PDB file of all heavy atoms in Angstrom:
ATOM      1  N   SER A   1    -140.055 -56.715 -36.932  1.00  0.00           N
ATOM      2  CA  SER A   1    -140.980 -56.491 -35.814  1.00  0.00           C
ATOM      3  C   SER A   1    -141.386 -57.827 -35.206  1.00  0.00           C
ATOM      4  O   SER A   1    -142.316 -58.485 -35.700  1.00  0.00           O
ATOM      5  CB  SER A   1    -142.203 -55.738 -36.314  1.00  0.00           C
ATOM      6  OG  SER A   1    -141.837 -54.487 -36.843  1.00  0.00           O
ATOM      7  N   ILE A   2    -140.689 -58.195 -34.157  1.00  0.00           N
ATOM      8  CA  ILE A   2    -140.944 -59.517 -33.558  1.00  0.00           C
ATOM      9  C   ILE A   2    -141.358 -59.415 -32.098  1.00  0.00           C
ATOM     10  O   ILE A   2    -141.654 -60.427 -31.476  1.00  0.00           O
ATOM     11  CB  ILE A   2    -139.683 -60.402 -33.649  1.00  0.00           C
ATOM     12  CG1 ILE A   2    -138.487 -59.729 -32.949  1.00  0.00           C
ATOM     13  CG2 ILE A   2    -139.357 -60.715 -35.098  1.00  0.00           C
ATOM     14  CD1 ILE A   2    -137.268 -60.634 -32.834  1.00  0.00           C
ATOM     15  N   PHE A   3    -141.368 -58.194 -31.524  1.00  0.00           N
ATOM     16  CA  PHE A   3    -141.587 -58.073 -30.093  1.00  0.00           C
ATOM     17  C   PHE A   3    -142.990 -58.521 -29.668  1.00  0.00           C
ATOM     18  O   PHE A   3    -143.185 -58.930 -28.530  1.00  0.00           O
ATOM     19  CB  PHE A   3    -141.352 -56.642 -29.642  1.00  0.00           C
ATOM     20  CG  PHE A   3    -139.940 -56.156 -29.857  1.00  0.00           C
ATOM     21  CD1 PHE A   3    -139.655 -54.814 -29.727  1.00  0.00           C
ATOM     22  CD2 PHE A   3    -138.924 -57.024 -30.186  1.00  0.00           C
ATOM     23  CE1 PHE A   3    -138.353 -54.343 -29.941  1.00  0.00           C
ATOM     24  CE2 PHE A   3    -137.631 -56.582 -30.404  1.00  0.00           C
ATOM     25  CZ  PHE A   3    -137.345 -55.223 -30.281  1.00  0.00           C
ATOM     26  N   SER A   4    -143.954 -58.449 -30.578  1.00  0.00           N
ATOM     27  CA  SER A   4    -145.302 -58.869 -30.229  1.00  0.00           C
ATOM     28  C   SER A   4    -145.456 -60.387 -30.297  1.00  0.00           C
ATOM     29  O   SER A   4    -146.469 -60.933 -29.843  1.00  0.00           O
ATOM     30  CB  SER A   4    -146.323 -58.224 -31.162  1.00  0.00           C
ATOM     31  OG  SER A   4    -146.086 -58.630 -32.493  1.00  0.00           O
ATOM     32  N   ILE A   5    -144.419 -61.042 -30.847  1.00  0.00           N
ATOM     33  CA  ILE A   5    -144.487 -62.495 -31.017  1.00  0.00           C
ATOM     34  C   ILE A   5    -143.613 -63.205 -29.976  1.00  0.00           C
ATOM     35  O   ILE A   5    -144.034 -64.206 -29.400  1.00  0.00           O
ATOM     36  CB  ILE A   5    -144.004 -62.883 -32.431  1.00  0.00           C
ATOM     37  CG1 ILE A   5    -144.837 -62.177 -33.485  1.00  0.00           C
ATOM     38  CG2 ILE A   5    -144.060 -64.402 -32.608  1.00  0.00           C
ATOM     39  CD1 ILE A   5    -144.305 -62.355 -34.892  1.00  0.00           C
ATOM     40  N   TYR A   6    -142.393 -62.660 -29.799  1.00  0.00           N
ATOM     41  CA  TYR A   6    -141.411 -63.327 -28.968  1.00  0.00           C
ATOM     42  C   TYR A   6    -141.001 -62.483 -27.774  1.00  0.00           C
ATOM     43  O   TYR A   6    -140.978 -61.249 -27.854  1.00  0.00           O
ATOM     44  CB  TYR A   6    -140.149 -63.632 -29.774  1.00  0.00           C
ATOM     45  CG  TYR A   6    -140.360 -64.526 -30.972  1.00  0.00           C
ATOM     46  CD1 TYR A   6    -140.093 -64.060 -32.254  1.00  0.00           C
ATOM     47  CD2 TYR A   6    -140.812 -65.822 -30.830  1.00  0.00           C
ATOM     48  CE1 TYR A   6    -140.282 -64.860 -33.356  1.00  0.00           C
ATOM     49  CE2 TYR A   6    -141.005 -66.631 -31.924  1.00  0.00           C
ATOM     50  CZ  TYR A   6    -140.747 -66.145 -33.189  1.00  0.00           C
ATOM     51  OH  TYR A   6    -140.950 -66.962 -34.279  1.00  0.00           O
ATOM     52  N   ALA A   7    -140.646 -63.165 -26.710  1.00  0.00           N
ATOM     53  CA  ALA A   7    -139.937 -62.472 -25.620  1.00  0.00           C
ATOM     54  C   ALA A   7    -138.560 -62.096 -26.124  1.00  0.00           C
ATOM     55  O   ALA A   7    -137.978 -62.748 -27.000  1.00  0.00           O
ATOM     56  CB  ALA A   7    -139.831 -63.386 -24.407  1.00  0.00           C
ATOM     57  N   MET A   8    -138.035 -61.030 -25.581  1.00  0.00           N
ATOM     58  CA  MET A   8    -136.689 -60.559 -25.928  1.00  0.00           C
ATOM     59  C   MET A   8    -135.819 -60.552 -24.696  1.00  0.00           C
ATOM     60  O   MET A   8    -136.257 -60.139 -23.602  1.00  0.00           O
ATOM     61  CB  MET A   8    -136.738 -59.142 -26.516  1.00  0.00           C
ATOM     62  CG  MET A   8    -137.323 -59.078 -27.907  1.00  0.00           C
ATOM     63  SD  MET A   8    -136.356 -60.005 -29.119  1.00  0.00           S
ATOM     64  CE  MET A   8    -134.762 -59.202 -29.013  1.00  0.00           C
ATOM     65  N   GLY A   9    -134.593 -60.983 -24.863  1.00  0.00           N
ATOM     66  CA  GLY A   9    -133.681 -61.079 -23.720  1.00  0.00           C
ATOM     67  C   GLY A   9    -132.368 -60.385 -23.961  1.00  0.00           C
ATOM     68  O   GLY A   9    -131.922 -60.245 -25.104  1.00  0.00           O
ATOM     69  N   TRP A  10    -131.783 -59.919 -22.869  1.00  0.00           N
ATOM     70  CA  TRP A  10    -130.393 -59.478 -22.877  1.00  0.00           C
ATOM     71  C   TRP A  10    -129.567 -60.594 -22.220  1.00  0.00           C
ATOM     72  O   TRP A  10    -129.919 -61.080 -21.132  1.00  0.00           O
ATOM     73  CB  TRP A  10    -130.228 -58.189 -22.090  1.00  0.00           C
ATOM     74  CG  TRP A  10    -130.549 -56.962 -22.899  1.00  0.00           C
ATOM     75  CD1 TRP A  10    -131.720 -56.244 -22.877  1.00  0.00           C
ATOM     76  CD2 TRP A  10    -129.706 -56.315 -23.843  1.00  0.00           C
ATOM     77  NE1 TRP A  10    -131.653 -55.198 -23.741  1.00  0.00           N
ATOM     78  CE2 TRP A  10    -130.415 -55.204 -24.356  1.00  0.00           C
ATOM     79  CE3 TRP A  10    -128.409 -56.548 -24.305  1.00  0.00           C
ATOM     80  CZ2 TRP A  10    -129.877 -54.338 -25.301  1.00  0.00           C
ATOM     81  CZ3 TRP A  10    -127.872 -55.679 -25.240  1.00  0.00           C
ATOM     82  CH2 TRP A  10    -128.605 -54.589 -25.748  1.00  0.00           C
ATOM     83  N   TYR A  11    -128.499 -60.928 -22.891  1.00  0.00           N
ATOM     84  CA  TYR A  11    -127.600 -61.974 -22.430  1.00  0.00           C
ATOM     85  C   TYR A  11    -126.212 -61.355 -22.278  1.00  0.00           C
ATOM     86  O   TYR A  11    -125.913 -60.325 -22.876  1.00  0.00           O
ATOM     87  CB  TYR A  11    -127.517 -63.098 -23.452  1.00  0.00           C
ATOM     88  CG  TYR A  11    -128.827 -63.767 -23.788  1.00  0.00           C
ATOM     89  CD1 TYR A  11    -129.742 -63.147 -24.643  1.00  0.00           C
ATOM     90  CD2 TYR A  11    -129.147 -65.017 -23.283  1.00  0.00           C
ATOM     91  CE1 TYR A  11    -130.943 -63.759 -24.979  1.00  0.00           C
ATOM     92  CE2 TYR A  11    -130.339 -65.651 -23.596  1.00  0.00           C
ATOM     93  CZ  TYR A  11    -131.219 -65.005 -24.455  1.00  0.00           C
ATOM     94  OH  TYR A  11    -132.405 -65.632 -24.775  1.00  0.00           O
ATOM     95  N   ARG A  12    -125.364 -62.028 -21.505  1.00  0.00           N
ATOM     96  CA  ARG A  12    -123.983 -61.568 -21.424  1.00  0.00           C
ATOM     97  C   ARG A  12    -123.042 -62.755 -21.323  1.00  0.00           C
ATOM     98  O   ARG A  12    -123.424 -63.823 -20.852  1.00  0.00           O
ATOM     99  CB  ARG A  12    -123.769 -60.627 -20.238  1.00  0.00           C
ATOM    100  CG  ARG A  12    -123.888 -61.281 -18.847  1.00  0.00           C
ATOM    101  CD  ARG A  12    -123.781 -60.230 -17.759  1.00  0.00           C
ATOM    102  NE  ARG A  12    -123.891 -60.823 -16.423  1.00  0.00           N
ATOM    103  CZ  ARG A  12    -123.967 -60.116 -15.302  1.00  0.00           C
ATOM    104  NH1 ARG A  12    -123.977 -58.785 -15.356  1.00  0.00           N
ATOM    105  NH2 ARG A  12    -124.056 -60.741 -14.138  1.00  0.00           N
ATOM    106  N   GLN A  13    -121.817 -62.531 -21.779  1.00  0.00           N
ATOM    107  CA  GLN A  13    -120.791 -63.572 -21.698  1.00  0.00           C
ATOM    108  C   GLN A  13    -119.498 -62.937 -21.235  1.00  0.00           C
ATOM    109  O   GLN A  13    -118.942 -62.069 -21.927  1.00  0.00           O
ATOM    110  CB  GLN A  13    -120.597 -64.256 -23.045  1.00  0.00           C
ATOM    111  CG  GLN A  13    -119.656 -65.438 -22.980  1.00  0.00           C
ATOM    112  CD  GLN A  13    -119.725 -66.301 -24.223  1.00  0.00           C
ATOM    113  OE1 GLN A  13    -120.128 -65.850 -25.300  1.00  0.00           O
ATOM    114  NE2 GLN A  13    -119.326 -67.557 -24.102  1.00  0.00           N
ATOM    115  N   ALA A  14    -119.070 -63.371 -20.071  1.00  0.00           N
ATOM    116  CA  ALA A  14    -117.797 -62.898 -19.531  1.00  0.00           C
ATOM    117  C   ALA A  14    -116.695 -63.843 -19.991  1.00  0.00           C
ATOM    118  O   ALA A  14    -116.955 -64.997 -20.328  1.00  0.00           O
ATOM    119  CB  ALA A  14    -117.866 -62.858 -18.006  1.00  0.00           C
ATOM    120  N   PRO A  15    -115.454 -63.380 -20.014  1.00  0.00           N
ATOM    121  CA  PRO A  15    -114.343 -64.231 -20.461  1.00  0.00           C
ATOM    122  C   PRO A  15    -114.292 -65.532 -19.671  1.00  0.00           C
ATOM    123  O   PRO A  15    -114.336 -65.532 -18.444  1.00  0.00           O
ATOM    124  CB  PRO A  15    -113.113 -63.364 -20.187  1.00  0.00           C
ATOM    125  CG  PRO A  15    -113.605 -61.972 -20.232  1.00  0.00           C
ATOM    126  CD  PRO A  15    -115.005 -62.024 -19.671  1.00  0.00           C
ATOM    127  N   GLY A  16    -114.231 -66.638 -20.400  1.00  0.00           N
ATOM    128  CA  GLY A  16    -114.116 -67.939 -19.765  1.00  0.00           C
ATOM    129  C   GLY A  16    -115.399 -68.493 -19.180  1.00  0.00           C
ATOM    130  O   GLY A  16    -115.394 -69.538 -18.534  1.00  0.00           O
ATOM    131  N   LYS A  17    -116.494 -67.777 -19.403  1.00  0.00           N
ATOM    132  CA  LYS A  17    -117.773 -68.224 -18.850  1.00  0.00           C
ATOM    133  C   LYS A  17    -118.797 -68.437 -19.959  1.00  0.00           C
ATOM    134  O   LYS A  17    -118.642 -67.916 -21.067  1.00  0.00           O
ATOM    135  CB  LYS A  17    -118.302 -67.198 -17.838  1.00  0.00           C
ATOM    136  CG  LYS A  17    -117.432 -67.068 -16.602  1.00  0.00           C
ATOM    137  CD  LYS A  17    -118.092 -66.187 -15.570  1.00  0.00           C
ATOM    138  CE  LYS A  17    -117.292 -66.101 -14.294  1.00  0.00           C
ATOM    139  NZ  LYS A  17    -117.958 -65.263 -13.257  1.00  0.00           N
ATOM    140  N   GLN A  18    -119.843 -69.176 -19.644  1.00  0.00           N
ATOM    141  CA  GLN A  18    -120.909 -69.388 -20.596  1.00  0.00           C
ATOM    142  C   GLN A  18    -121.813 -68.153 -20.689  1.00  0.00           C
ATOM    143  O   GLN A  18    -121.910 -67.376 -19.739  1.00  0.00           O
ATOM    144  CB  GLN A  18    -121.743 -70.600 -20.181  1.00  0.00           C
ATOM    145  CG  GLN A  18    -121.025 -71.936 -20.368  1.00  0.00           C
ATOM    146  CD  GLN A  18    -121.951 -73.112 -20.186  1.00  0.00           C
ATOM    147  OE1 GLN A  18    -122.968 -73.020 -19.502  1.00  0.00           O
ATOM    148  NE2 GLN A  18    -121.613 -74.233 -20.799  1.00  0.00           N
ATOM    149  N   ARG A  19    -122.440 -68.002 -21.824  1.00  0.00           N
ATOM    150  CA  ARG A  19    -123.402 -66.926 -21.995  1.00  0.00           C
ATOM    151  C   ARG A  19    -124.571 -67.166 -21.056  1.00  0.00           C
ATOM    152  O   ARG A  19    -125.063 -68.292 -20.935  1.00  0.00           O
ATOM    153  CB  ARG A  19    -123.871 -66.879 -23.442  1.00  0.00           C
ATOM    154  CG  ARG A  19    -124.661 -65.645 -23.825  1.00  0.00           C
ATOM    155  CD  ARG A  19    -124.881 -65.637 -25.332  1.00  0.00           C
ATOM    156  NE  ARG A  19    -123.606 -65.451 -26.037  1.00  0.00           N
ATOM    157  CZ  ARG A  19    -123.451 -65.663 -27.331  1.00  0.00           C
ATOM    158  NH1 ARG A  19    -124.452 -66.107 -28.068  1.00  0.00           N
ATOM    159  NH2 ARG A  19    -122.274 -65.462 -27.899  1.00  0.00           N
ATOM    160  N   GLU A  20    -125.047 -66.079 -20.436  1.00  0.00           N
ATOM    161  CA  GLU A  20    -126.159 -66.182 -19.494  1.00  0.00           C
ATOM    162  C   GLU A  20    -127.221 -65.130 -19.800  1.00  0.00           C
ATOM    163  O   GLU A  20    -126.907 -64.043 -20.260  1.00  0.00           O
ATOM    164  CB  GLU A  20    -125.676 -66.030 -18.054  1.00  0.00           C
ATOM    165  CG  GLU A  20    -125.049 -64.677 -17.741  1.00  0.00           C
ATOM    166  CD  GLU A  20    -124.742 -64.478 -16.263  1.00  0.00           C
ATOM    167  OE1 GLU A  20    -125.260 -65.248 -15.430  1.00  0.00           O
ATOM    168  OE2 GLU A  20    -123.996 -63.544 -15.942  1.00  0.00           O
ATOM    169  N   LEU A  21    -128.448 -65.482 -19.479  1.00  0.00           N
ATOM    170  CA  LEU A  21    -129.561 -64.558 -19.639  1.00  0.00           C
ATOM    171  C   LEU A  21    -129.619 -63.665 -18.403  1.00  0.00           C
ATOM    172  O   LEU A  21    -129.662 -64.179 -17.281  1.00  0.00           O
ATOM    173  CB  LEU A  21    -130.869 -65.337 -19.807  1.00  0.00           C
ATOM    174  CG  LEU A  21    -132.143 -64.533 -19.904  1.00  0.00           C
ATOM    175  CD1 LEU A  21    -132.168 -63.693 -21.164  1.00  0.00           C
ATOM    176  CD2 LEU A  21    -133.354 -65.467 -19.852  1.00  0.00           C
ATOM    177  N   VAL A  22    -129.663 -62.357 -18.600  1.00  0.00           N
ATOM    178  CA  VAL A  22    -129.718 -61.457 -17.449  1.00  0.00           C
ATOM    179  C   VAL A  22    -131.059 -60.751 -17.313  1.00  0.00           C
ATOM    180  O   VAL A  22    -131.441 -60.358 -16.212  1.00  0.00           O
ATOM    181  CB  VAL A  22    -128.598 -60.402 -17.473  1.00  0.00           C
ATOM    182  CG1 VAL A  22    -127.246 -61.084 -17.359  1.00  0.00           C
ATOM    183  CG2 VAL A  22    -128.633 -59.546 -18.700  1.00  0.00           C
ATOM    184  N   ALA A  23    -131.767 -60.582 -18.418  1.00  0.00           N
ATOM    185  CA  ALA A  23    -133.063 -59.901 -18.341  1.00  0.00           C
ATOM    186  C   ALA A  23    -133.905 -60.320 -19.526  1.00  0.00           C
ATOM    187  O   ALA A  23    -133.382 -60.543 -20.624  1.00  0.00           O
ATOM    188  CB  ALA A  23    -132.881 -58.394 -18.336  1.00  0.00           C
ATOM    189  N   VAL A  24    -135.210 -60.401 -19.325  1.00  0.00           N
ATOM    190  CA  VAL A  24    -136.111 -60.753 -20.391  1.00  0.00           C
ATOM    191  C   VAL A  24    -137.373 -59.896 -20.273  1.00  0.00           C
ATOM    192  O   VAL A  24    -137.818 -59.587 -19.159  1.00  0.00           O
ATOM    193  CB  VAL A  24    -136.466 -62.260 -20.358  1.00  0.00           C
ATOM    194  CG1 VAL A  24    -137.131 -62.648 -19.059  1.00  0.00           C
ATOM    195  CG2 VAL A  24    -137.322 -62.659 -21.549  1.00  0.00           C
ATOM    196  N   ILE A  25    -137.907 -59.515 -21.424  1.00  0.00           N
ATOM    197  CA  ILE A  25    -139.188 -58.826 -21.480  1.00  0.00           C
ATOM    198  C   ILE A  25    -140.105 -59.648 -22.367  1.00  0.00           C
ATOM    199  O   ILE A  25    -139.785 -59.945 -23.516  1.00  0.00           O
ATOM    200  CB  ILE A  25    -139.049 -57.356 -21.945  1.00  0.00           C
ATOM    201  CG1 ILE A  25    -140.386 -56.645 -21.905  1.00  0.00           C
ATOM    202  CG2 ILE A  25    -138.393 -57.244 -23.325  1.00  0.00           C
ATOM    203  CD1 ILE A  25    -140.272 -55.117 -22.008  1.00  0.00           C
ATOM    204  N   PHE A  26    -141.242 -60.014 -21.837  1.00  0.00           N
ATOM    205  CA  PHE A  26    -142.165 -60.877 -22.555  1.00  0.00           C
ATOM    206  C   PHE A  26    -143.037 -60.070 -23.513  1.00  0.00           C
ATOM    207  O   PHE A  26    -143.136 -58.850 -23.392  1.00  0.00           O
ATOM    208  CB  PHE A  26    -143.011 -61.660 -21.547  1.00  0.00           C
ATOM    209  CG  PHE A  26    -142.185 -62.533 -20.639  1.00  0.00           C
ATOM    210  CD1 PHE A  26    -141.875 -62.115 -19.345  1.00  0.00           C
ATOM    211  CD2 PHE A  26    -141.692 -63.759 -21.066  1.00  0.00           C
ATOM    212  CE1 PHE A  26    -141.098 -62.906 -18.501  1.00  0.00           C
ATOM    213  CE2 PHE A  26    -140.912 -64.539 -20.251  1.00  0.00           C
ATOM    214  CZ  PHE A  26    -140.608 -64.116 -18.962  1.00  0.00           C
ATOM    215  N   SER A  27    -143.657 -60.784 -24.456  1.00  0.00           N
ATOM    216  CA  SER A  27    -144.459 -60.087 -25.464  1.00  0.00           C
ATOM    217  C   SER A  27    -145.571 -59.273 -24.817  1.00  0.00           C
ATOM    218  O   SER A  27    -145.967 -58.222 -25.329  1.00  0.00           O
ATOM    219  CB  SER A  27    -145.033 -61.096 -26.480  1.00  0.00           C
ATOM    220  OG  SER A  27    -145.776 -62.090 -25.800  1.00  0.00           O
ATOM    221  N   GLY A  28    -146.055 -59.697 -23.670  1.00  0.00           N
ATOM    222  CA  GLY A  28    -147.092 -58.968 -22.972  1.00  0.00           C
ATOM    223  C   GLY A  28    -146.586 -57.816 -22.128  1.00  0.00           C
ATOM    224  O   GLY A  28    -147.375 -57.045 -21.577  1.00  0.00           O
ATOM    225  N   GLY A  29    -145.278 -57.688 -22.038  1.00  0.00           N
ATOM    226  CA  GLY A  29    -144.668 -56.571 -21.321  1.00  0.00           C
ATOM    227  C   GLY A  29    -144.089 -56.912 -19.958  1.00  0.00           C
ATOM    228  O   GLY A  29    -143.364 -56.089 -19.367  1.00  0.00           O
ATOM    229  N   GLY A  30    -144.371 -58.074 -19.443  1.00  0.00           N
ATOM    230  CA  GLY A  30    -143.778 -58.475 -18.176  1.00  0.00           C
ATOM    231  C   GLY A  30    -142.277 -58.669 -18.292  1.00  0.00           C
ATOM    232  O   GLY A  30    -141.761 -58.875 -19.402  1.00  0.00           O
ATOM    233  N   THR A  31    -141.591 -58.578 -17.172  1.00  0.00           N
ATOM    234  CA  THR A  31    -140.125 -58.677 -17.182  1.00  0.00           C
ATOM    235  C   THR A  31    -139.661 -59.660 -16.124  1.00  0.00           C
ATOM    236  O   THR A  31    -140.381 -59.958 -15.154  1.00  0.00           O
ATOM    237  CB  THR A  31    -139.463 -57.309 -16.926  1.00  0.00           C
ATOM    238  OG1 THR A  31    -139.911 -56.800 -15.661  1.00  0.00           O
ATOM    239  CG2 THR A  31    -139.818 -56.312 -18.021  1.00  0.00           C
ATOM    240  N   ASN A  32    -138.444 -60.128 -16.308  1.00  0.00           N
ATOM    241  CA  ASN A  32    -137.825 -60.995 -15.319  1.00  0.00           C
ATOM    242  C   ASN A  32    -136.320 -60.769 -15.386  1.00  0.00           C
ATOM    243  O   ASN A  32    -135.774 -60.438 -16.465  1.00  0.00           O
ATOM    244  CB  ASN A  32    -138.167 -62.451 -15.576  1.00  0.00           C
ATOM    245  CG  ASN A  32    -138.027 -63.295 -14.325  1.00  0.00           C
ATOM    246  OD1 ASN A  32    -137.773 -62.784 -13.240  1.00  0.00           O
ATOM    247  ND2 ASN A  32    -138.194 -64.610 -14.468  1.00  0.00           N
TER     248      ASN A  32
END
C-alpha cells in the first residue's frame, strides 16, 4: 500500500524509443 505515499505513473516504451511517462496520479488524487 504505497498510493498514499507516492504518486503512481503509467509509462510506456515503444520499440527503439526511451521509456516515457504518459500519466500520473498524485497521492492527493490529482492527475497529469
